[in-house]
Amino acid sequence: METIRTTCCIAGGGPAGMMLGLLLARAGVSVVVLEKHADFLRDFRGDTVHPSTLEVIHELGLLNDFLKRPHSKVVQGRVQFGDEEFLLADFSHLSTQCKFIAFMPQWDFLTFLLDHAKTYPAFKHLMQTKVTDLIEENGRVMGVVAATPNGIVEIRADLVVGADGRGSVVREKAGLAVTATGAPIDVLWMRLSRKSTDPVMPLGRFLPGRVFVMLNREDYYQCAFVFPKGEFETIKTRGLEALRDEIASIVPSVRDRLHELRDWNEVGLLTVKIDRLATWYKDGLLCIGDAAHAMSPVGGVGINLAIQDAVAAANLLARPLKERRLTTEDLRQVQRRRELPTKLTQRAQVLMQNAVINKALIGKKVRPPLALRLIRRFPFLTRLPAFAIGVGVRPEHVQS
């Protein structure tokens, strides 16, 4: 069995893991990032890069390179309730460097982070390396066991970071307790082509018994068909033609391209979860991102929260790791720093799901929420949801 020794081993090459790997390597900490897949090419991963994440990229001096890569921008977010359309958020008033949300396919974003991380000698990245177990000695996590195409490998480290998503193997093997919050919805993700002659589409449509989201990706729309949890098999039994007809009734202008949904392989199921760990760490181990707190797709803030976790972890842990004096108290500080933003964001998502989305799905009439009616009357209020979505609670800044 091959053994690799490093200072920090990060399980998971998603946004949280890749950003933390970049930041630690930049600070001179030896780090190995493990990614179980052979590439980053997986459809229907979140690809919203929020202003606070763009601020981090700016602080790293990488914003110009980021903006050269293919992406689209959203400066204003509009939603439709019944027959009425509302301006929900205007990001142009934010005090951040970038006053917009950038849409970039996640594989391109991860490749961008990887390209810059590889410029640091302290960074190492292993693809097709799946964590299968933890190495523990005397109650302390000392590393991981991973499966590769060439056999089993041990990676021994002063710190193991679980950034391996909502189905985290690391948190399961560590025995960390998960507190789940009920999510009343699930989502079907799909792509539909976009035409240059299409009108500007609202981000979300709330109709009686239906909720549909359309994100403009320039040459296509990433669409979300939202439905009550547990009804996927019923939808599938009714057939793909019935689903196409339902989408056409929500957005008649895309009827001419619904044939692009040729079979169920063109439709991805996202089982919505909202959960978080009671304790994000144990001796020698820390969880961040979705491994510490799975977020609902509401607001598209999951990537943003994961990146903020990574920045906070690097700020607090880079020096102790470099000086080989990491303690459990250092790990506790990361949770203390990021737990409040997580709780408040999840609480807001639950409120949106229960008071707005679920009410639309089960109701025969759709009434715009009071908040939207107030925003229409007092347009300056669009700055509040723009800040909540684009920046969030306790944004982090690069200090490592």
Protein backbone atom coordinates (compact mmCIF):
# COMPACT_ATOMS: atom_id res chain seq x y z
CA MET A 1 0.00 0.00 0.00
CA GLU A 2 1.35 3.39 -1.03
CA THR A 3 1.52 6.01 1.72
CA ILE A 4 1.45 9.75 1.05
CA ARG A 5 2.31 12.20 3.81
CA THR A 6 1.07 15.77 3.84
CA THR A 7 -0.02 18.47 6.28
CA CYS A 8 -3.66 18.71 5.15
CA CYS A 9 -5.69 16.16 3.21
CA ILE A 10 -8.93 17.48 1.69
CA ALA A 11 -11.53 14.91 0.64
CA GLY A 12 -13.61 16.40 -2.18
CA GLY A 13 -12.61 18.57 -5.13
CA GLY A 14 -15.75 20.71 -5.24
CA PRO A 15 -15.86 24.48 -4.62
CA ALA A 16 -15.12 24.23 -0.87
CA GLY A 17 -12.30 21.70 -1.21
CA MET A 18 -10.64 23.32 -4.20
CA MET A 19 -10.78 26.83 -2.73
CA LEU A 20 -9.37 25.64 0.61
CA GLY A 21 -6.62 23.75 -1.19
CA LEU A 22 -5.70 26.86 -3.18
CA LEU A 23 -5.66 29.10 -0.10
CA LEU A 24 -3.61 26.71 2.05
CA ALA A 25 -1.06 26.05 -0.71
CA ARG A 26 -0.81 29.81 -1.27
CA ALA A 27 0.02 30.15 2.44
CA GLY A 28 2.76 27.51 2.12
CA VAL A 29 0.86 24.62 3.72
CA SER A 30 1.40 21.22 2.09
CA VAL A 31 -2.03 20.05 0.93
CA VAL A 32 -3.47 17.14 -1.07
CA VAL A 33 -6.97 17.43 -2.58
CA LEU A 34 -8.73 14.17 -3.45
CA GLU A 35 -11.46 13.99 -6.11
CA LYS A 36 -13.25 10.68 -6.61
CA HIS A 37 -14.27 11.35 -10.22
CA ALA A 38 -12.08 11.33 -13.32
CA ASP A 39 -13.18 14.87 -14.27
CA PHE A 40 -15.48 17.69 -13.17
CA LEU A 41 -18.03 17.17 -15.95
CA ARG A 42 -21.31 16.56 -14.16
CA ASP A 43 -24.54 18.25 -15.20
CA PHE A 44 -26.83 20.21 -12.93
CA ARG A 45 -24.28 21.17 -10.34
CA GLY A 46 -24.73 24.65 -8.95
CA ASP A 47 -22.94 27.25 -11.04
CA THR A 48 -23.85 30.56 -9.43
CA VAL A 49 -20.79 32.57 -8.40
CA HIS A 50 -22.03 35.26 -6.05
CA PRO A 51 -20.60 38.77 -5.53
CA SER A 52 -19.03 37.75 -2.21
CA THR A 53 -17.25 34.83 -3.93
CA LEU A 54 -16.13 37.17 -6.72
CA GLU A 55 -14.79 39.46 -3.98
CA VAL A 56 -12.63 36.59 -2.70
CA ILE A 57 -11.36 35.97 -6.24
CA HIS A 58 -10.59 39.70 -6.52
CA GLU A 59 -8.67 39.62 -3.22
CA LEU A 60 -6.60 36.76 -4.62
CA GLY A 61 -5.73 38.89 -7.66
CA LEU A 62 -7.46 36.45 -10.01
CA LEU A 63 -10.58 38.36 -11.02
CA ASN A 64 -9.33 39.45 -14.46
CA ASP A 65 -8.55 35.86 -15.41
CA PHE A 66 -11.93 34.71 -14.08
CA LEU A 67 -13.83 37.29 -16.11
CA LYS A 68 -11.99 36.26 -19.29
CA ARG A 69 -13.56 32.81 -19.04
CA PRO A 70 -17.03 32.20 -20.52
CA HIS A 71 -19.77 33.29 -18.12
CA SER A 72 -23.01 35.25 -18.01
CA LYS A 73 -24.11 37.94 -15.58
CA VAL A 74 -27.30 38.70 -13.69
CA VAL A 75 -27.60 42.26 -12.38
CA GLN A 76 -31.30 42.09 -11.57
CA GLY A 77 -33.47 39.16 -10.55
CA ARG A 78 -37.16 39.12 -11.53
CA VAL A 79 -39.88 36.68 -10.48
CA GLN A 80 -43.43 36.06 -11.64
CA PHE A 81 -46.43 35.40 -9.37
CA GLY A 82 -49.52 34.50 -11.31
CA ASP A 83 -49.77 37.05 -14.10
CA GLU A 84 -47.64 39.68 -12.32
CA GLU A 85 -43.89 40.16 -12.62
CA PHE A 86 -41.80 41.68 -9.84
CA LEU A 87 -38.24 42.94 -9.51
CA LEU A 88 -36.88 40.97 -6.54
CA ALA A 89 -33.22 41.97 -6.29
CA ASP A 90 -30.95 44.63 -7.81
CA PHE A 91 -27.27 43.79 -7.33
CA SER A 92 -26.02 47.01 -8.97
CA HIS A 93 -26.03 48.82 -5.60
CA LEU A 94 -23.75 46.37 -3.77
CA SER A 95 -20.45 47.71 -2.43
CA THR A 96 -18.56 44.68 -3.79
CA GLN A 97 -16.09 44.78 -6.68
CA CYS A 98 -18.57 42.90 -8.89
CA LYS A 99 -22.18 44.02 -8.73
CA PHE A 100 -23.68 40.93 -10.33
CA ILE A 101 -24.04 37.18 -10.00
CA ALA A 102 -21.86 35.30 -12.48
CA PHE A 103 -23.11 32.06 -14.01
CA MET A 104 -20.24 29.75 -14.92
CA PRO A 105 -20.55 25.96 -15.34
CA GLN A 106 -19.13 24.42 -12.19
CA TRP A 107 -16.59 22.34 -14.11
CA ASP A 108 -15.16 25.56 -15.57
CA PHE A 109 -15.08 27.22 -12.15
CA LEU A 110 -13.32 24.23 -10.59
CA THR A 111 -10.84 24.09 -13.47
CA PHE A 112 -10.15 27.80 -12.92
CA LEU A 113 -9.38 27.18 -9.22
CA LEU A 114 -7.29 24.11 -10.04
CA ASP A 115 -5.24 25.94 -12.68
CA HIS A 116 -4.21 28.56 -10.12
CA ALA A 117 -3.75 26.12 -7.23
CA LYS A 118 -1.28 24.06 -9.31
CA THR A 119 1.03 27.07 -9.54
CA TYR A 120 1.95 26.53 -5.86
CA PRO A 121 4.51 23.79 -5.07
CA ALA A 122 2.64 22.90 -1.84
CA PHE A 123 -0.47 21.84 -3.78
CA LYS A 124 -1.17 18.30 -4.96
CA HIS A 125 -4.36 17.06 -6.62
CA LEU A 126 -5.39 13.44 -7.14
CA MET A 127 -8.31 12.47 -9.41
CA GLN A 128 -10.11 9.12 -9.27
CA THR A 129 -9.18 8.87 -5.61
CA LYS A 130 -12.19 7.96 -3.47
CA VAL A 131 -11.99 8.08 0.32
CA THR A 132 -13.24 4.80 1.79
CA ASP A 133 -12.20 5.11 5.44
CA LEU A 134 -10.46 7.21 8.05
CA ILE A 135 -7.21 6.34 9.81
CA GLU A 136 -7.65 6.84 13.55
CA GLU A 137 -5.10 6.30 16.30
CA ASN A 138 -5.81 6.90 19.99
CA GLY A 139 -9.01 8.79 19.19
CA ARG A 140 -7.39 11.15 16.68
CA VAL A 141 -7.92 11.14 12.91
CA MET A 142 -4.51 10.71 11.30
CA GLY A 143 -5.45 10.44 7.64
CA VAL A 144 -7.62 8.58 5.13
CA VAL A 145 -7.67 5.36 3.14
CA ALA A 146 -8.62 5.88 -0.51
CA ALA A 147 -9.27 3.69 -3.53
CA THR A 148 -7.59 4.52 -6.84
CA PRO A 149 -7.42 2.77 -10.23
CA ASN A 150 -3.97 1.53 -9.17
CA GLY A 151 -5.03 0.19 -5.79
CA ILE A 152 -5.42 1.39 -2.22
CA VAL A 153 -3.49 4.39 -0.93
CA GLU A 154 -3.07 5.90 2.54
CA ILE A 155 -2.82 9.65 2.92
CA ARG A 156 -1.56 10.61 6.36
CA ALA A 157 -2.05 14.20 7.47
CA ASP A 158 -2.17 16.53 10.46
CA LEU A 159 -5.68 17.49 9.37
CA VAL A 160 -8.34 15.77 7.27
CA VAL A 161 -11.01 18.06 5.82
CA GLY A 162 -14.31 16.58 4.69
CA ALA A 163 -15.47 18.65 1.71
CA ASP A 164 -17.10 15.69 -0.02
CA GLY A 165 -20.65 16.98 -0.24
CA ARG A 166 -24.01 16.13 1.24
CA GLY A 167 -23.34 12.38 0.99
CA SER A 168 -20.03 12.81 2.81
CA VAL A 169 -18.13 9.59 3.47
CA VAL A 170 -15.84 11.52 5.83
CA ARG A 171 -18.60 12.68 8.16
CA GLU A 172 -20.19 9.20 8.07
CA LYS A 173 -16.94 7.45 9.01
CA ALA A 174 -16.27 10.07 11.69
CA GLY A 175 -19.66 9.39 13.23
CA LEU A 176 -20.65 13.06 13.31
CA ALA A 177 -24.33 13.59 14.14
CA VAL A 178 -26.53 15.26 11.49
CA THR A 179 -29.53 17.43 12.34
CA ALA A 180 -32.00 17.41 9.44
CA THR A 181 -34.60 20.08 8.72
CA GLY A 182 -37.56 18.97 6.65
CA ALA A 183 -37.61 20.10 3.02
CA PRO A 184 -41.09 19.84 1.42
CA ILE A 185 -39.85 19.96 -2.18
CA ASP A 186 -37.69 18.17 -4.72
CA VAL A 187 -36.47 19.44 -8.09
CA LEU A 188 -36.09 18.13 -11.63
CA TRP A 189 -33.18 19.83 -13.44
CA MET A 190 -33.07 20.03 -17.23
CA ARG A 191 -31.62 22.05 -20.11
CA LEU A 192 -33.55 23.82 -22.84
CA SER A 193 -31.90 25.70 -25.67
CA ARG A 194 -32.13 29.50 -25.70
CA LYS A 195 -32.79 31.61 -28.78
CA SER A 196 -31.49 35.13 -29.28
CA THR A 197 -35.07 36.22 -30.01
CA ASP A 198 -36.36 35.00 -26.62
CA PRO A 199 -37.78 37.69 -24.35
CA VAL A 200 -36.11 38.32 -20.99
CA MET A 201 -37.40 35.53 -18.77
CA PRO A 202 -38.12 35.87 -15.05
CA LEU A 203 -35.86 33.73 -12.87
CA GLY A 204 -38.79 32.07 -11.15
CA ARG A 205 -42.45 31.52 -12.01
CA PHE A 206 -44.97 30.83 -9.26
CA LEU A 207 -48.33 29.63 -10.59
CA PRO A 208 -51.13 27.67 -8.90
CA GLY A 209 -49.74 24.18 -8.34
CA ARG A 210 -46.52 24.93 -10.27
CA VAL A 211 -43.12 26.48 -9.65
CA PHE A 212 -40.58 26.72 -12.46
CA VAL A 213 -37.11 28.33 -12.50
CA MET A 214 -35.19 29.38 -15.64
CA LEU A 215 -31.55 30.46 -15.40
CA ASN A 216 -30.12 32.13 -18.50
CA ARG A 217 -26.84 30.44 -19.56
CA GLU A 218 -26.59 32.45 -22.82
CA ASP A 219 -27.06 29.57 -25.29
CA TYR A 220 -29.34 27.50 -23.04
CA TYR A 221 -31.56 27.69 -19.97
CA GLN A 222 -30.90 25.63 -16.89
CA CYS A 223 -34.42 24.89 -15.71
CA ALA A 224 -35.81 23.60 -12.44
CA PHE A 225 -39.25 22.00 -12.22
CA VAL A 226 -40.17 22.14 -8.53
CA PHE A 227 -42.67 19.65 -7.09
CA PRO A 228 -43.79 18.37 -3.66
CA LYS A 229 -41.36 15.91 -2.09
CA GLY A 230 -42.06 12.27 -2.81
CA GLU A 231 -43.98 12.79 -6.06
CA PHE A 232 -41.19 11.91 -8.51
CA GLU A 233 -42.43 8.39 -9.18
CA THR A 234 -45.93 9.75 -9.87
CA ILE A 235 -44.49 12.29 -12.34
CA LYS A 236 -42.43 9.57 -14.00
CA THR A 237 -45.43 7.25 -14.23
CA ARG A 238 -47.45 9.96 -16.01
CA GLY A 239 -44.68 10.04 -18.60
CA LEU A 240 -42.30 12.48 -20.21
CA GLU A 241 -44.94 13.80 -22.62
CA ALA A 242 -47.10 14.88 -19.66
CA LEU A 243 -44.10 16.66 -18.13
CA ARG A 244 -43.40 18.44 -21.43
CA ASP A 245 -47.05 19.53 -21.62
CA GLU A 246 -46.94 20.86 -18.08
CA ILE A 247 -43.79 22.88 -18.78
CA ALA A 248 -45.39 24.25 -21.96
CA SER A 249 -48.39 25.42 -19.93
CA ILE A 250 -46.05 27.30 -17.58
CA VAL A 251 -43.75 28.79 -20.25
CA PRO A 252 -45.58 28.65 -23.62
CA SER A 253 -42.65 30.30 -25.41
CA VAL A 254 -40.45 27.18 -25.00
CA ARG A 255 -43.00 24.70 -26.36
CA ASP A 256 -41.09 24.50 -29.67
CA ARG A 257 -37.97 23.09 -28.00
CA LEU A 258 -39.39 20.68 -25.43
CA HIS A 259 -38.60 17.83 -27.84
CA GLU A 260 -35.01 18.28 -26.56
CA LEU A 261 -36.13 16.34 -23.48
CA ARG A 262 -35.89 13.05 -25.37
CA ASP A 263 -35.87 10.69 -22.39
CA TRP A 264 -35.50 10.70 -18.61
CA ASN A 265 -31.71 10.80 -18.97
CA GLU A 266 -32.20 14.46 -19.97
CA VAL A 267 -33.83 15.14 -16.59
CA GLY A 268 -31.89 15.08 -13.32
CA LEU A 269 -33.53 14.58 -9.92
CA LEU A 270 -32.27 16.71 -7.04
CA THR A 271 -33.54 15.44 -3.70
CA VAL A 272 -33.61 18.62 -1.64
CA LYS A 273 -32.05 18.42 1.81
CA ILE A 274 -31.44 20.96 4.51
CA ASP A 275 -29.26 19.61 7.29
CA ARG A 276 -26.19 20.47 9.33
CA LEU A 277 -23.78 18.83 11.72
CA ALA A 278 -24.18 19.53 15.41
CA THR A 279 -20.37 19.43 15.64
CA TRP A 280 -18.30 20.02 12.51
CA TYR A 281 -15.04 18.57 13.83
CA LYS A 282 -13.25 16.03 15.93
CA ASP A 283 -9.57 15.71 16.78
CA GLY A 284 -7.71 15.85 13.46
CA LEU A 285 -10.81 16.33 11.30
CA LEU A 286 -13.04 19.17 10.08
CA CYS A 287 -16.08 19.23 7.76
CA ILE A 288 -16.99 22.25 5.60
CA GLY A 289 -19.41 23.06 2.79
CA ASP A 290 -22.23 20.61 2.09
CA ALA A 291 -20.48 17.99 4.23
CA ALA A 292 -21.15 20.27 7.22
CA HIS A 293 -24.45 21.76 6.06
CA ALA A 294 -26.52 20.76 3.03
CA MET A 295 -28.41 23.73 1.62
CA SER A 296 -31.63 24.01 -0.37
CA PRO A 297 -31.26 25.35 -3.94
CA VAL A 298 -33.36 28.38 -2.87
CA GLY A 299 -31.28 31.48 -3.68
CA GLY A 300 -28.49 29.37 -5.18
CA VAL A 301 -26.35 30.15 -2.12
CA GLY A 302 -24.87 26.69 -1.51
CA ILE A 303 -21.61 27.37 -3.39
CA ASN A 304 -21.30 30.77 -1.74
CA LEU A 305 -21.60 29.26 1.76
CA ALA A 306 -19.07 26.55 0.87
CA ILE A 307 -16.54 29.11 -0.41
CA GLN A 308 -17.00 31.25 2.71
CA ASP A 309 -16.33 28.17 4.87
CA ALA A 310 -13.11 27.54 2.95
CA VAL A 311 -11.90 31.13 3.35
CA ALA A 312 -12.67 31.12 7.09
CA ALA A 313 -10.93 27.76 7.54
CA ALA A 314 -7.82 28.97 5.69
CA ASN A 315 -7.72 32.21 7.69
CA LEU A 316 -7.94 30.38 11.01
CA LEU A 317 -5.93 27.23 10.27
CA ALA A 318 -3.12 28.15 7.85
CA ARG A 319 -0.69 29.35 10.52
CA PRO A 320 -1.34 26.52 13.04
CA LEU A 321 -0.99 23.99 10.22
CA LYS A 322 2.20 25.52 8.89
CA GLU A 323 3.71 25.63 12.38
CA ARG A 324 2.47 22.07 13.12
CA ARG A 325 0.60 23.13 16.25
CA LEU A 326 -3.02 22.54 15.22
CA THR A 327 -5.44 21.86 18.10
CA THR A 328 -9.10 20.94 18.35
CA GLU A 329 -9.76 24.47 19.61
CA ASP A 330 -8.60 25.81 16.23
CA LEU A 331 -11.19 23.59 14.53
CA ARG A 332 -13.86 24.71 16.98
CA GLN A 333 -13.15 28.31 15.99
CA VAL A 334 -14.02 27.53 12.36
CA GLN A 335 -17.44 26.22 13.36
CA ARG A 336 -18.00 29.21 15.67
CA ARG A 337 -17.16 31.54 12.82
CA ARG A 338 -19.43 29.90 10.22
CA GLU A 339 -22.28 28.40 12.26
CA LEU A 340 -24.37 31.58 12.60
CA PRO A 341 -24.37 32.37 8.84
CA THR A 342 -25.32 28.75 8.17
CA LYS A 343 -28.20 28.72 10.65
CA LEU A 344 -29.61 32.06 9.49
CA THR A 345 -29.38 31.12 5.80
CA GLN A 346 -31.04 27.75 6.36
CA ARG A 347 -33.77 29.40 8.42
CA ALA A 348 -34.45 31.82 5.55
CA GLN A 349 -34.54 28.93 3.07
CA VAL A 350 -37.03 27.00 5.21
CA LEU A 351 -39.20 30.11 5.47
CA MET A 352 -39.13 30.56 1.67
CA GLN A 353 -39.91 26.89 1.07
CA ASN A 354 -42.84 26.77 3.50
CA ALA A 355 -44.33 30.24 3.09
CA VAL A 356 -43.86 30.76 -0.66
CA ILE A 357 -42.87 27.69 -2.70
CA ASN A 358 -44.92 25.05 -0.93
CA LYS A 359 -47.91 27.39 -0.68
CA ALA A 360 -47.79 27.88 -4.46
CA LEU A 361 -47.51 24.13 -5.09
CA ILE A 362 -50.54 23.20 -2.99
CA GLY A 363 -52.65 26.31 -3.59
CA LYS A 364 -55.33 27.08 -6.14
CA LYS A 365 -54.46 30.77 -6.05
CA VAL A 366 -51.08 32.45 -5.95
CA ARG A 367 -50.74 35.73 -4.11
CA PRO A 368 -47.43 37.64 -4.16
CA PRO A 369 -45.80 37.72 -0.71
CA LEU A 370 -46.05 40.94 1.28
CA ALA A 371 -42.28 41.46 0.85
CA LEU A 372 -42.63 41.62 -2.94
CA ARG A 373 -45.57 44.01 -2.74
CA LEU A 374 -43.51 46.28 -0.48
CA ILE A 375 -40.55 46.12 -2.86
CA ARG A 376 -42.79 47.16 -5.74
CA ARG A 377 -44.03 50.13 -3.71
CA PHE A 378 -40.57 51.08 -2.40
CA PRO A 379 -38.02 50.08 -5.11
CA PHE A 380 -34.98 50.86 -2.94
CA LEU A 381 -35.90 47.73 -0.94
CA THR A 382 -34.55 45.60 -3.81
CA ARG A 383 -31.16 46.21 -2.19
CA LEU A 384 -32.06 44.04 0.82
CA PRO A 385 -32.62 40.71 -0.99
CA ALA A 386 -29.67 41.60 -3.25
CA PHE A 387 -27.42 41.83 -0.19
CA ALA A 388 -28.92 38.72 1.44
CA ILE A 389 -28.43 36.62 -1.71
CA GLY A 390 -25.29 38.20 -3.16
CA VAL A 391 -23.25 38.81 -0.01
CA GLY A 392 -24.97 37.07 2.88
CA VAL A 393 -24.29 36.98 6.58
CA ARG A 394 -20.69 37.52 7.69
CA PRO A 395 -18.83 37.48 4.35
CA GLU A 396 -15.23 36.32 4.62
CA HIS A 397 -12.12 38.04 3.30
CA VAL A 398 -8.77 36.48 2.45
CA GLN A 399 -6.27 36.88 5.30
CA SER A 400 -4.23 33.70 5.00
